[in-house]
């Protein structure tokens, strides 16, 4: 489909969701261009971003985003942001008594944020109309769009080379590189981000939040962003799965379903590999929150997908997912969230494409047949392809193995050659490298080298592993731009474009850092999801919460309700059995 832009509103619920979201928005920001003479890209940025005006009449381009977090989670970031001058607005003040002022030292900014401030105030961003750094509209006609982008980028590259941010990132705003709209950030003051008291730890606490002022605030923000949309296609929701935000996310998705029926709701339940100050009791909470949040958000969404590097969602999971070309510390949120953001950048391509895009509801309808609304994500981050090589050679190198690894904590299954349906996206391989460059008379090394288009190559490869599964394939030639402050977690064997260099090309300290990556992802409905749900259901059902964790029941749901929810989860897992699929297909044929 081409033509009108179908807008998406993004919601980020919870601190880890905002970690992933910050990396993800930084990736989107880095991929935008100022130059109106540059041809429009394959991805339509207006799907995610909105154009606005400040009170002074300056044009802005900011994410169509609502980000919810807890008191104390913003650190140096102002809730209203700094793009719109709300700080100096006059406010009514009627108290005429004695005033006592208590002044607290503001949190200190890391060197990256200090450099951003210098760029803003030092003349590089002379036009206040734009976001930090390289944000603007595809094929933009906004006046003043010829900002000195190269000067900004080179400044940021110096930041990345001079030091690492791993030791200075405390919260997600510590590496946020773009401006946000004043309506974006919502802080829940009933609960604290840090400390021992007033923590949002259990599902019932989150469920109880969406009422009164919190509900009114969400409604106002949604109305603001939605009323300006011409063709709203739906919502993408990132929600923390292991704490009380799972309960809030359940109520938020229910509200979206009730208020905006017919729109797509794609929900990503995210979970870090570790939590600070965890304990055996908190591990139990995390597992129960995962189970209840997965069920309820799946019920109220068009599609629900866990997104995590964890090896499982139960209390003692297998080791986390690792990628051979990444030097990633999975216990560091700044690292693990960056990997998931790269995957999400590819997983969301299908409904962001400028031409021939599939809408959110088309994607979800294709993947969630027969009540299977929970899907799983897989990725190859980055996709290992030789510099100067071709896609058939890269895929042949995997032999009989699949090229991706789980990003949804799904277990390995014996029958890997079956899934109910899937959507595969390859990002970052140019058109010339998608097919083999065989000279006339040369024998093809494999059947893939006979295919004449990138879609045919990738489809033929996937069908060789999943011969009877419905398949959708998307190709985008532009890779994910991993400019500062994205962590430099990449193998030294990668070139600046993210491709493998030959062994005869030694890595040099003077080589430019990786700035772009090819990424391959698959979104699947498969029996592995059923195994995951069954494992989670059995682990939760084996607990007597009244005895081992009565505090979990304090805020609701009651014990009988939880038992009913776990039975629903067991039934949902049953939908992923292949025998159930065959019987459902036969019933459809009879109809």
Protein backbone atom coordinates (compact mmCIF):
# COMPACT_ATOMS: atom_id res chain seq x y z
CA UNK A 1 0.00 0.00 0.00
CA UNK A 2 1.19 3.54 -0.70
CA UNK A 3 -0.36 6.94 -0.30
CA UNK A 4 -1.78 8.14 3.00
CA UNK A 5 0.30 7.71 6.12
CA UNK A 6 -1.24 5.39 8.71
CA UNK A 7 -0.16 6.76 12.06
CA UNK A 8 0.82 4.79 15.15
CA UNK A 9 0.76 5.93 18.78
CA UNK A 10 3.44 4.33 20.97
CA UNK A 11 3.04 3.71 24.70
CA UNK A 12 5.96 2.75 26.96
CA UNK A 13 4.92 1.48 30.39
CA UNK A 14 7.72 0.97 32.90
CA UNK A 15 11.41 1.62 33.33
CA UNK A 16 12.82 -1.21 31.22
CA UNK A 17 10.28 -0.44 28.49
CA UNK A 18 11.63 3.09 28.48
CA UNK A 19 15.22 1.76 28.29
CA UNK A 20 14.31 -0.20 25.14
CA UNK A 21 12.17 2.65 23.85
CA UNK A 22 14.96 5.19 24.27
CA UNK A 23 17.36 3.10 22.20
CA UNK A 24 14.59 2.47 19.66
CA UNK A 25 13.73 6.15 19.27
CA UNK A 26 17.43 7.00 19.03
CA UNK A 27 17.64 4.52 16.13
CA UNK A 28 14.65 6.16 14.43
CA UNK A 29 16.13 9.60 14.98
CA UNK A 30 19.48 8.59 13.52
CA UNK A 31 17.78 7.30 10.38
CA UNK A 32 16.02 10.56 9.53
CA UNK A 33 17.35 13.07 6.99
CA UNK A 34 17.19 16.84 6.62
CA UNK A 35 17.91 17.23 2.94
CA UNK A 36 14.74 17.72 0.90
CA UNK A 37 16.66 16.72 -2.24
CA UNK A 38 17.35 13.21 -0.88
CA UNK A 39 14.79 10.65 -2.12
CA UNK A 40 12.26 9.53 0.47
CA UNK A 41 13.35 6.44 2.38
CA UNK A 42 11.71 3.03 2.45
CA UNK A 43 10.30 3.62 5.93
CA UNK A 44 7.75 6.37 6.50
CA UNK A 45 8.77 8.35 9.57
CA UNK A 46 5.43 10.14 9.84
CA UNK A 47 3.96 6.83 11.02
CA UNK A 48 5.81 7.37 14.31
CA UNK A 49 6.60 11.09 14.44
CA UNK A 50 4.40 14.16 14.49
CA UNK A 51 4.98 17.70 13.32
CA UNK A 52 4.04 20.51 15.69
CA UNK A 53 4.58 24.15 16.57
CA UNK A 54 5.99 25.79 19.68
CA UNK A 55 4.31 28.87 21.15
CA UNK A 56 6.93 30.90 19.28
CA UNK A 57 5.87 29.34 15.98
CA UNK A 58 8.87 27.06 15.53
CA UNK A 59 8.29 23.74 13.76
CA UNK A 60 9.01 20.58 15.78
CA UNK A 61 9.15 16.89 14.90
CA UNK A 62 8.72 14.63 17.91
CA UNK A 63 7.67 11.03 18.64
CA UNK A 64 3.96 10.31 18.89
CA UNK A 65 4.69 8.78 22.28
CA UNK A 66 3.34 8.39 25.82
CA UNK A 67 6.01 7.21 28.28
CA UNK A 68 4.89 6.28 31.81
CA UNK A 69 7.31 5.79 34.68
CA UNK A 70 7.54 6.22 38.46
CA UNK A 71 8.57 9.03 40.77
CA UNK A 72 12.33 9.52 40.75
CA UNK A 73 12.92 7.82 37.40
CA UNK A 74 13.73 10.88 35.27
CA UNK A 75 16.87 12.18 37.00
CA UNK A 76 18.12 15.12 34.86
CA UNK A 77 15.22 15.07 32.35
CA UNK A 78 12.44 17.58 32.85
CA UNK A 79 9.00 16.01 32.64
CA UNK A 80 7.93 18.71 30.16
CA UNK A 81 11.15 18.38 28.15
CA UNK A 82 13.08 21.39 26.92
CA UNK A 83 11.85 21.77 23.34
CA UNK A 84 8.82 23.84 24.34
CA UNK A 85 9.43 26.72 26.72
CA UNK A 86 6.97 25.81 29.47
CA UNK A 87 9.31 26.75 32.28
CA UNK A 88 8.59 30.46 32.09
CA UNK A 89 4.82 30.26 31.79
CA UNK A 90 3.02 32.41 34.33
CA UNK A 91 1.12 30.52 36.99
CA UNK A 92 -1.38 31.81 39.51
CA UNK A 93 0.09 32.06 43.02
CA UNK A 94 -2.30 33.31 45.71
CA UNK A 95 -0.45 32.49 48.95
CA UNK A 96 0.65 35.67 50.73
CA UNK A 97 2.08 34.13 53.90
CA UNK A 98 5.65 33.33 54.82
CA UNK A 99 7.53 31.15 52.32
CA UNK A 100 10.37 28.81 53.21
CA UNK A 101 12.46 27.46 50.34
CA UNK A 102 14.33 24.15 50.48
CA UNK A 103 16.75 23.83 47.59
CA UNK A 104 18.10 20.45 46.49
CA UNK A 105 21.11 19.99 44.26
CA UNK A 106 20.00 18.71 40.84
CA UNK A 107 21.31 15.34 39.62
CA UNK A 108 24.53 15.66 37.66
CA UNK A 109 24.55 15.01 33.92
CA UNK A 110 26.96 12.57 32.32
CA UNK A 111 29.37 13.81 29.66
CA UNK A 112 27.09 12.72 26.83
CA UNK A 113 24.22 14.88 28.11
CA UNK A 114 26.61 17.74 28.76
CA UNK A 115 27.77 17.52 25.14
CA UNK A 116 24.15 17.61 23.96
CA UNK A 117 23.59 20.76 26.00
CA UNK A 118 26.69 22.29 24.44
CA UNK A 119 25.42 21.47 20.96
CA UNK A 120 22.07 23.05 21.75
CA UNK A 121 23.53 26.24 23.22
CA UNK A 122 26.73 26.47 21.17
CA UNK A 123 25.18 27.37 17.84
CA UNK A 124 25.23 23.99 16.10
CA UNK A 125 21.50 23.68 16.58
CA UNK A 126 20.89 27.28 15.71
CA UNK A 127 17.28 26.62 14.73
CA UNK A 128 15.20 25.73 17.83
CA UNK A 129 12.65 24.18 15.51
CA UNK A 130 14.18 20.71 15.54
CA UNK A 131 14.97 17.82 17.78
CA UNK A 132 18.40 17.16 19.22
CA UNK A 133 20.81 16.16 16.50
CA UNK A 134 19.70 14.52 13.26
CA UNK A 135 15.90 14.50 13.55
CA UNK A 136 13.70 15.74 10.75
CA UNK A 137 11.06 14.59 8.32
CA UNK A 138 11.65 12.25 5.39
CA UNK A 139 11.76 14.39 2.27
CA UNK A 140 11.24 17.31 4.63
CA UNK A 141 10.08 20.71 3.46
CA UNK A 142 10.44 22.38 6.87
CA UNK A 143 12.26 25.74 6.66
CA UNK A 144 15.76 25.69 8.07
CA UNK A 145 16.26 21.99 7.47
CA UNK A 146 19.85 22.46 6.31
CA UNK A 147 21.23 22.24 9.85
CA UNK A 148 24.89 21.21 10.08
CA UNK A 149 24.17 17.53 10.54
CA UNK A 150 27.72 16.38 9.83
CA UNK A 151 29.09 18.68 12.52
CA UNK A 152 26.65 17.18 15.03
CA UNK A 153 27.41 13.61 14.05
CA UNK A 154 31.16 14.10 14.19
CA UNK A 155 30.79 15.63 17.65
CA UNK A 156 28.84 12.60 18.82
CA UNK A 157 31.40 10.22 17.35
CA UNK A 158 34.06 11.94 19.44
CA UNK A 159 31.92 11.32 22.51
CA UNK A 160 31.68 7.63 21.75
CA UNK A 161 35.42 7.28 21.10
CA UNK A 162 36.51 9.21 24.18
CA UNK A 163 34.70 7.18 26.80
CA UNK A 164 32.01 4.57 27.43
CA UNK A 165 28.62 5.36 28.93
CA UNK A 166 28.29 2.05 30.78
CA UNK A 167 29.42 3.54 34.08
CA UNK A 168 27.27 6.66 33.88
CA UNK A 169 23.86 5.39 32.73
CA UNK A 170 21.51 5.22 35.71
CA UNK A 171 18.16 5.76 34.01
CA UNK A 172 16.93 5.77 30.42
CA UNK A 173 17.07 9.56 30.07
CA UNK A 174 20.85 9.39 30.52
CA UNK A 175 21.19 8.33 26.87
CA UNK A 176 18.17 10.01 25.26
CA UNK A 177 19.36 11.94 22.20
CA UNK A 178 16.14 13.54 20.95
CA UNK A 179 13.57 15.98 22.27
CA UNK A 180 10.17 14.81 23.50
CA UNK A 181 6.83 16.59 23.39
CA UNK A 182 5.57 18.01 26.72
CA UNK A 183 2.61 15.59 26.54
CA UNK A 184 4.86 12.54 26.32
CA UNK A 185 6.13 11.85 29.85
CA UNK A 186 3.71 10.85 32.58
CA UNK A 187 4.99 10.20 36.10
CA UNK A 188 3.05 8.06 38.59
CA UNK A 189 3.75 9.65 41.95
CA UNK A 190 2.09 6.95 44.07
CA UNK A 191 5.12 4.67 43.69
CA UNK A 192 8.88 5.17 43.83
CA UNK A 193 11.44 4.14 41.26
CA UNK A 194 14.09 3.55 43.95
CA UNK A 195 14.11 2.80 47.63
CA UNK A 196 12.59 0.22 49.95
CA UNK A 197 9.07 1.62 50.30
CA UNK A 198 6.15 2.32 47.99
CA UNK A 199 7.37 0.08 45.17
CA UNK A 200 5.19 -1.10 42.28
CA UNK A 201 5.98 -4.80 42.62
CA UNK A 202 2.85 -6.88 42.01
CA UNK A 203 0.21 -7.24 39.33
CA UNK A 204 -2.70 -6.10 41.50
CA UNK A 205 -1.05 -2.77 42.32
CA UNK A 206 -0.78 -1.97 38.63
CA UNK A 207 -4.37 -3.01 37.91
CA UNK A 208 -5.65 -0.66 40.60
CA UNK A 209 -3.73 2.32 39.20
CA UNK A 210 -5.79 2.99 36.09
CA UNK A 211 -8.51 5.05 37.69
CA UNK A 212 -9.01 8.60 38.87
CA UNK A 213 -6.19 11.01 38.02
CA UNK A 214 -3.98 8.39 36.33
CA UNK A 215 -6.82 7.41 33.98
CA UNK A 216 -7.73 11.02 33.25
CA UNK A 217 -4.11 11.85 32.51
CA UNK A 218 -3.81 8.91 30.09
CA UNK A 219 -7.06 9.84 28.34
CA UNK A 220 -5.95 13.46 27.89
CA UNK A 221 -2.60 12.41 26.39
CA UNK A 222 -4.19 9.85 24.08
CA UNK A 223 -6.77 12.35 22.85
CA UNK A 224 -4.05 14.91 22.14
CA UNK A 225 -2.04 12.55 19.93
CA UNK A 226 -4.99 10.75 18.32
CA UNK A 227 -7.12 13.74 17.39
CA UNK A 228 -4.44 15.01 15.00
CA UNK A 229 -4.14 11.62 13.21
CA UNK A 230 -5.82 11.27 9.82
CA UNK A 231 -5.54 7.47 9.49
CA UNK A 232 -4.70 5.99 12.88
CA UNK A 233 -3.80 2.34 12.36
CA UNK A 234 -3.24 1.52 16.00
CA UNK A 235 -0.98 1.36 19.02
CA UNK A 236 2.33 -0.28 19.78
CA UNK A 237 2.70 -0.88 23.50
CA UNK A 238 5.93 -1.72 25.32
CA UNK A 239 5.16 -2.89 28.84
CA UNK A 240 7.33 -4.18 31.69
CA UNK A 241 6.22 -7.74 32.29
CA UNK A 242 7.86 -8.65 35.60
CA UNK A 243 6.64 -5.91 37.97
CA UNK A 244 3.40 -4.11 38.73
CA UNK A 245 3.41 -2.46 35.31
CA UNK A 246 2.13 -5.81 33.98
CA UNK A 247 -1.14 -5.08 35.78
CA UNK A 248 -1.21 -1.49 34.53
CA UNK A 249 -0.50 -2.71 30.99
CA UNK A 250 -3.40 -5.15 31.24
CA UNK A 251 -5.77 -2.32 32.10
CA UNK A 252 -4.28 0.07 29.52
CA UNK A 253 -4.66 -2.46 26.69
CA UNK A 254 -8.20 -3.20 27.88
CA UNK A 255 -8.97 0.53 27.75
CA UNK A 256 -7.51 0.81 24.24
CA UNK A 257 -9.53 -2.19 23.09
CA UNK A 258 -12.76 -0.76 24.52
CA UNK A 259 -12.18 2.84 23.37
CA UNK A 260 -10.55 2.31 19.97
CA UNK A 261 -12.07 -0.91 18.66
CA UNK A 262 -10.91 -1.91 15.20
CA UNK A 263 -7.44 -0.42 15.67
CA UNK A 264 -4.40 -2.64 15.95
CA UNK A 265 -2.87 -3.12 19.41
CA UNK A 266 0.57 -4.74 19.21
CA UNK A 267 1.93 -5.33 22.70
CA UNK A 268 5.52 -6.23 23.57
CA UNK A 269 5.93 -7.57 27.09
CA UNK A 270 9.55 -6.80 27.98
CA UNK A 271 11.71 -8.25 30.74
CA UNK A 272 15.34 -7.64 31.75
CA UNK A 273 17.68 -10.53 32.46
CA UNK A 274 18.18 -9.33 36.02
CA UNK A 275 16.71 -6.97 38.60
CA UNK A 276 18.63 -4.92 41.15
CA UNK A 277 18.14 -5.97 44.79
CA UNK A 278 16.25 -9.12 43.88
CA UNK A 279 15.32 -11.91 46.29
CA UNK A 280 13.61 -15.30 46.18
CA UNK A 281 10.28 -13.65 47.03
CA UNK A 282 10.70 -11.00 44.34
CA UNK A 283 11.62 -13.73 41.83
CA UNK A 284 8.29 -15.36 42.66
CA UNK A 285 6.54 -12.02 42.13
CA UNK A 286 8.27 -11.62 38.77
CA UNK A 287 7.08 -15.03 37.57
CA UNK A 288 3.49 -14.46 38.68
CA UNK A 289 3.46 -11.00 37.08
CA UNK A 290 4.70 -12.54 33.81
CA UNK A 291 1.96 -15.17 33.81
CA UNK A 292 -0.92 -12.82 34.62
CA UNK A 293 0.36 -10.02 32.39
CA UNK A 294 0.88 -12.34 29.42
CA UNK A 295 -2.66 -13.71 29.67
CA UNK A 296 -4.43 -10.41 30.21
CA UNK A 297 -2.49 -8.33 27.69
CA UNK A 298 -2.89 -11.08 25.10
CA UNK A 299 -6.64 -11.04 25.73
CA UNK A 300 -6.83 -7.29 25.14
CA UNK A 301 -4.31 -6.95 22.29
CA UNK A 302 -4.35 -7.85 18.62
CA UNK A 303 -1.01 -9.56 19.20
CA UNK A 304 1.22 -10.08 22.25
CA UNK A 305 4.93 -10.90 22.10
CA UNK A 306 7.37 -11.33 24.99
CA UNK A 307 10.65 -9.54 24.25
CA UNK A 308 13.65 -10.41 26.40
CA UNK A 309 17.16 -11.87 26.45
CA UNK A 310 16.17 -14.10 29.38
CA UNK A 311 16.39 -17.83 28.76
CA UNK A 312 12.94 -18.35 30.29
CA UNK A 313 10.20 -16.60 32.26
CA UNK A 314 10.24 -18.87 35.33
CA UNK A 315 12.28 -18.36 38.49
CA UNK A 316 15.38 -20.30 37.43
CA UNK A 317 15.72 -19.73 33.70
CA UNK A 318 18.43 -21.10 31.40
CA UNK A 319 21.32 -18.76 30.47
CA UNK A 320 20.36 -15.62 28.55
CA UNK A 321 20.36 -15.42 24.77
CA UNK A 322 23.74 -14.40 23.36
CA UNK A 323 24.79 -13.41 19.84
CA UNK A 324 28.27 -14.36 18.58
CA UNK A 325 29.07 -10.96 17.08
CA UNK A 326 28.06 -8.93 20.14
CA UNK A 327 30.19 -8.33 23.22
CA UNK A 328 27.11 -7.64 25.29
CA UNK A 329 26.74 -7.78 29.07
CA UNK A 330 23.16 -9.10 29.42
CA UNK A 331 23.03 -8.02 33.07
CA UNK A 332 23.55 -4.39 32.08
CA UNK A 333 20.22 -2.81 31.14
CA UNK A 334 21.96 -0.28 28.89
CA UNK A 335 23.33 -3.21 26.85
CA UNK A 336 20.45 -5.70 26.85
CA UNK A 337 17.88 -3.04 25.96
CA UNK A 338 20.01 -1.93 23.00
CA UNK A 339 19.97 -5.45 21.52
CA UNK A 340 16.19 -5.70 21.93
CA UNK A 341 15.76 -2.25 20.36
CA UNK A 342 17.73 -3.37 17.30
CA UNK A 343 15.44 -6.38 16.96
CA UNK A 344 12.33 -4.25 17.47
CA UNK A 345 13.52 -1.90 14.74
CA UNK A 346 13.23 -4.80 12.29
CA UNK A 347 10.19 -6.49 13.85
CA UNK A 348 8.08 -3.35 13.34
CA UNK A 349 9.09 -2.72 9.72
CA UNK A 350 6.01 -4.24 8.07
CA UNK A 351 3.57 -1.52 9.19
CA UNK A 352 6.05 1.36 8.76
CA UNK A 353 6.98 0.87 5.10
CA UNK A 354 6.25 3.65 2.66
CA UNK A 355 5.07 1.27 -0.06
CA UNK A 356 3.50 -2.20 0.07
CA UNK A 357 3.11 -2.03 3.84
CA UNK A 358 0.93 -4.36 5.88
CA UNK A 359 -1.14 -2.64 8.54
CA UNK A 360 -0.99 -3.66 12.18
CA UNK A 361 -4.23 -5.59 11.98
CA UNK A 362 -3.15 -7.39 8.82
CA UNK A 363 0.05 -8.50 10.56
CA UNK A 364 -1.81 -9.65 13.67
CA UNK A 365 -4.55 -11.40 11.70
CA UNK A 366 -1.94 -13.40 9.80
CA UNK A 367 -0.13 -14.50 12.96
CA UNK A 368 -2.92 -15.05 15.50
CA UNK A 369 -5.27 -17.57 13.93
CA UNK A 370 -7.28 -20.02 16.08
CA UNK A 371 -6.94 -17.94 19.23
CA UNK A 372 -3.12 -18.01 19.29
CA UNK A 373 -2.59 -14.35 20.20
CA UNK A 374 0.83 -14.86 21.82
CA UNK A 375 3.71 -14.98 19.32
CA UNK A 376 7.47 -15.25 19.67
CA UNK A 377 10.31 -13.15 18.30
CA UNK A 378 13.62 -14.42 16.94
CA UNK A 379 16.60 -12.47 15.72
CA UNK A 380 20.04 -12.53 14.19
CA UNK A 381 21.66 -9.40 15.64
CA UNK A 382 23.61 -8.55 13.61
CA UNK A 383 22.98 -10.78 10.59
CA UNK A 384 26.40 -12.34 9.78
CA UNK A 385 27.18 -11.55 6.16
CA UNK A 386 30.60 -11.05 4.58
CA UNK A 387 31.55 -7.62 3.36
CA UNK A 388 31.10 -7.79 -0.41
CA UNK A 389 29.25 -11.11 -0.16
CA UNK A 390 25.71 -12.03 -1.16
CA UNK A 391 22.63 -13.19 0.72
CA UNK A 392 22.60 -16.77 -0.71
CA UNK A 393 26.15 -17.33 0.56
CA UNK A 394 25.28 -15.90 3.99
CA UNK A 395 22.25 -18.15 4.37
CA UNK A 396 24.05 -21.24 3.05
CA UNK A 397 26.66 -20.76 5.77
CA UNK A 398 24.06 -21.80 8.36
CA UNK A 399 23.71 -25.22 6.71
CA UNK A 400 20.79 -27.00 8.39
CA UNK A 401 20.48 -24.55 11.29
CA UNK A 402 18.13 -21.57 11.43
CA UNK A 403 19.92 -18.20 11.44
CA UNK A 404 18.13 -16.68 14.45
CA UNK A 405 17.92 -17.08 18.21
CA UNK A 406 15.00 -16.62 20.58
CA UNK A 407 14.14 -13.13 21.83
CA UNK A 408 11.02 -14.31 23.67
CA UNK A 409 12.42 -16.80 26.22
CA UNK A 410 10.97 -19.68 24.21
CA UNK A 411 12.37 -23.20 24.75
CA UNK A 412 13.97 -25.21 21.99
CA UNK A 413 11.62 -27.78 20.44
CA UNK A 414 12.43 -31.05 18.73
CA UNK A 415 10.37 -30.30 15.61
CA UNK A 416 11.91 -27.06 14.37
CA UNK A 417 10.44 -27.49 10.91
CA UNK A 418 6.94 -26.39 11.83
CA UNK A 419 5.26 -23.15 12.80
CA UNK A 420 1.71 -21.98 12.22
CA UNK A 421 2.76 -18.76 10.47
CA UNK A 422 5.58 -16.24 10.50
CA UNK A 423 6.74 -12.86 9.28
CA UNK A 424 10.44 -12.48 8.40
CA UNK A 425 12.27 -9.17 7.97
CA UNK A 426 15.79 -8.52 6.68
CA UNK A 427 17.11 -5.02 7.19
CA UNK A 428 20.39 -3.58 5.96
CA UNK A 429 21.36 -5.53 2.80
CA UNK A 430 21.46 -3.51 -0.41
CA UNK A 431 19.71 -4.69 -3.56
CA UNK A 432 22.89 -5.74 -5.36
CA UNK A 433 23.87 -8.08 -2.53
CA UNK A 434 20.52 -9.88 -2.29
CA UNK A 435 21.17 -12.29 -5.18
CA UNK A 436 24.12 -14.28 -6.42
CA UNK A 437 26.49 -12.74 -8.95
CA UNK A 438 27.10 -15.93 -10.92
CA UNK A 439 28.86 -15.49 -14.21
CA UNK A 440 27.43 -17.26 -17.27
CA UNK A 441 28.40 -20.93 -17.29
CA UNK A 442 29.24 -21.07 -13.59
CA UNK A 443 27.62 -23.79 -11.50
CA UNK A 444 25.50 -22.53 -8.63
CA UNK A 445 26.73 -23.65 -5.17
CA UNK A 446 23.13 -24.10 -3.97
CA UNK A 447 19.53 -23.65 -5.18
CA UNK A 448 19.41 -20.24 -3.49
CA UNK A 449 21.89 -18.92 -6.04
CA UNK A 450 19.36 -19.49 -8.83
CA UNK A 451 16.78 -17.14 -7.28
CA UNK A 452 16.55 -13.78 -9.02
CA UNK A 453 15.22 -11.50 -6.25
CA UNK A 454 15.95 -10.99 -2.58
CA UNK A 455 12.37 -11.89 -1.64
CA UNK A 456 12.69 -15.18 -3.53
CA UNK A 457 16.05 -15.98 -1.90
CA UNK A 458 14.80 -15.38 1.64
CA UNK A 459 11.43 -17.08 1.01
CA UNK A 460 13.09 -20.17 -0.49
CA UNK A 461 15.47 -20.42 2.46
CA UNK A 462 12.73 -20.06 5.11
CA UNK A 463 10.46 -22.53 3.31
CA UNK A 464 13.26 -25.09 3.30
CA UNK A 465 13.06 -25.03 7.10
CA UNK A 466 9.29 -24.48 7.46
CA UNK A 467 7.88 -26.09 4.31
CA UNK A 468 4.17 -25.85 5.13
CA UNK A 469 3.96 -22.57 7.05
CA UNK A 470 2.35 -19.36 5.75
CA UNK A 471 5.07 -16.76 5.29
CA UNK A 472 5.43 -13.00 4.79
CA UNK A 473 8.82 -11.48 3.88
CA UNK A 474 9.95 -7.84 4.12
CA UNK A 475 13.26 -6.45 2.86
CA UNK A 476 14.63 -3.00 3.69
CA UNK A 477 17.99 -2.02 2.23
CA UNK A 478 18.84 0.54 4.93
CA UNK A 479 20.37 -0.89 8.09
CA UNK A 480 19.90 0.24 11.67
CA UNK A 481 22.14 3.25 12.33
CA UNK A 482 23.92 2.67 15.63
CA UNK A 483 25.30 6.16 16.17
CA UNK A 484 26.13 7.55 19.63
CA UNK A 485 24.96 6.99 22.30
CA UNK A 486 24.37 3.40 21.19
CA UNK A 487 26.86 1.18 23.07
CA UNK A 488 29.82 -0.11 21.05
CA UNK A 489 29.22 -3.79 21.85
CA UNK A 490 30.27 -5.12 18.47
CA UNK A 491 32.87 -7.71 17.54
CA UNK A 492 36.10 -6.26 16.08
CA UNK A 493 35.54 -8.53 13.07
CA UNK A 494 32.73 -6.24 11.88
CA UNK A 495 33.26 -3.44 9.41
CA UNK A 496 31.84 0.05 9.92
CA UNK A 497 28.79 -1.08 7.90
CA UNK A 498 28.26 -4.08 10.19
CA UNK A 499 29.47 -6.78 7.78
CA UNK A 500 32.04 -9.46 8.51
CA UNK A 501 35.55 -8.71 7.34
CA UNK A 502 37.82 -11.41 6.01
CA UNK A 503 40.28 -13.03 8.42
CA UNK A 504 43.10 -11.47 6.42
CA UNK A 505 41.86 -8.00 7.40
CA UNK A 506 43.15 -7.40 10.92
CA UNK A 507 41.19 -5.13 13.23
CA UNK A 508 42.90 -1.81 13.89
CA UNK A 509 42.32 0.62 16.75
CA UNK A 510 42.12 3.38 14.15
CA UNK A 511 39.26 1.68 12.28
CA UNK A 512 35.98 3.61 12.42
CA UNK A 513 33.40 2.21 14.87
CA UNK A 514 30.41 0.24 13.66
CA UNK A 515 27.76 2.75 12.59
CA UNK A 516 25.20 0.58 10.80
CA UNK A 517 23.97 -3.01 11.16
CA UNK A 518 22.09 -5.60 9.10
CA UNK A 519 19.45 -7.37 11.20
CA UNK A 520 17.29 -10.43 10.48
CA UNK A 521 14.16 -11.13 12.53
CA UNK A 522 11.25 -13.56 12.55
CA UNK A 523 7.92 -13.16 14.28
CA UNK A 524 6.36 -16.61 14.69
CA UNK A 525 3.31 -18.40 15.94
CA UNK A 526 4.69 -21.83 16.79
CA UNK A 527 4.39 -24.80 19.19
CA UNK A 528 7.35 -23.36 21.12
CA UNK A 529 5.01 -20.66 22.46
CA UNK A 530 2.68 -23.35 23.77
CA UNK A 531 5.55 -25.04 25.61
CA UNK A 532 6.58 -21.73 27.12
CA UNK A 533 3.05 -20.96 28.32
CA UNK A 534 2.61 -24.48 29.71
CA UNK A 535 5.87 -24.25 31.64
CA UNK A 536 4.90 -20.87 33.07
CA UNK A 537 1.40 -22.06 33.98
CA UNK A 538 2.61 -25.20 35.74
CA UNK A 539 5.23 -23.30 37.74
CA UNK A 540 2.67 -20.76 38.94
CA UNK A 541 -0.09 -23.31 39.60
CA UNK A 542 2.25 -25.32 41.83
CA UNK A 543 2.46 -22.42 44.32
CA UNK A 544 0.09 -21.89 47.22
CA UNK A 545 0.24 -18.11 47.27
CA UNK A 546 -1.78 -17.93 50.49
CA UNK A 547 1.06 -19.71 52.24
CA UNK A 548 4.27 -18.73 50.41
CA UNK A 549 3.41 -15.20 49.20
CA UNK A 550 0.28 -13.80 50.87
CA UNK A 551 1.52 -10.27 50.16
CA UNK A 552 1.00 -10.89 46.43
CA UNK A 553 -2.74 -11.22 47.10
CA UNK A 554 -2.99 -8.07 49.22
CA UNK A 555 -3.76 -5.79 46.28
CA UNK A 556 -5.72 -8.38 44.26
CA UNK A 557 -6.61 -10.40 42.30
CA UNK A 558 -7.98 -12.86 44.86
CA UNK A 559 -6.70 -16.42 45.02
CA UNK A 560 -9.76 -17.85 43.23
CA UNK A 561 -9.36 -15.32 40.40
CA UNK A 562 -5.70 -16.21 39.98
CA UNK A 563 -6.61 -19.90 39.78
CA UNK A 564 -9.11 -19.06 37.04
CA UNK A 565 -6.53 -17.00 35.17
CA UNK A 566 -4.02 -19.85 35.30
CA UNK A 567 -6.64 -22.23 33.91
CA UNK A 568 -7.18 -19.78 31.04
CA UNK A 569 -3.43 -19.73 30.49
CA UNK A 570 -3.41 -23.53 30.34
CA UNK A 571 -6.18 -23.45 27.72
CA UNK A 572 -4.27 -20.85 25.72
CA UNK A 573 -1.18 -23.08 25.74
CA UNK A 574 -3.33 -25.97 24.46
CA UNK A 575 -4.13 -23.92 21.31
CA UNK A 576 -0.50 -24.32 20.20
CA UNK A 577 -0.59 -28.12 19.98
CA UNK A 578 -0.27 -29.31 16.41
CA UNK A 579 -3.18 -31.74 16.89
CA UNK A 580 -5.35 -28.78 17.96
CA UNK A 581 -4.27 -26.89 14.85
CA UNK A 582 -5.21 -29.75 12.54
CA UNK A 583 -8.63 -30.18 14.14
CA UNK A 584 -9.28 -26.41 13.90
CA UNK A 585 -8.33 -26.45 10.20
CA UNK A 586 -10.65 -29.37 9.56
CA UNK A 587 -13.50 -27.52 11.28
CA UNK A 588 -12.82 -24.47 9.11
CA UNK A 589 -12.89 -26.66 5.99
CA UNK A 590 -16.21 -28.19 7.07
CA UNK A 591 -17.67 -24.71 7.50
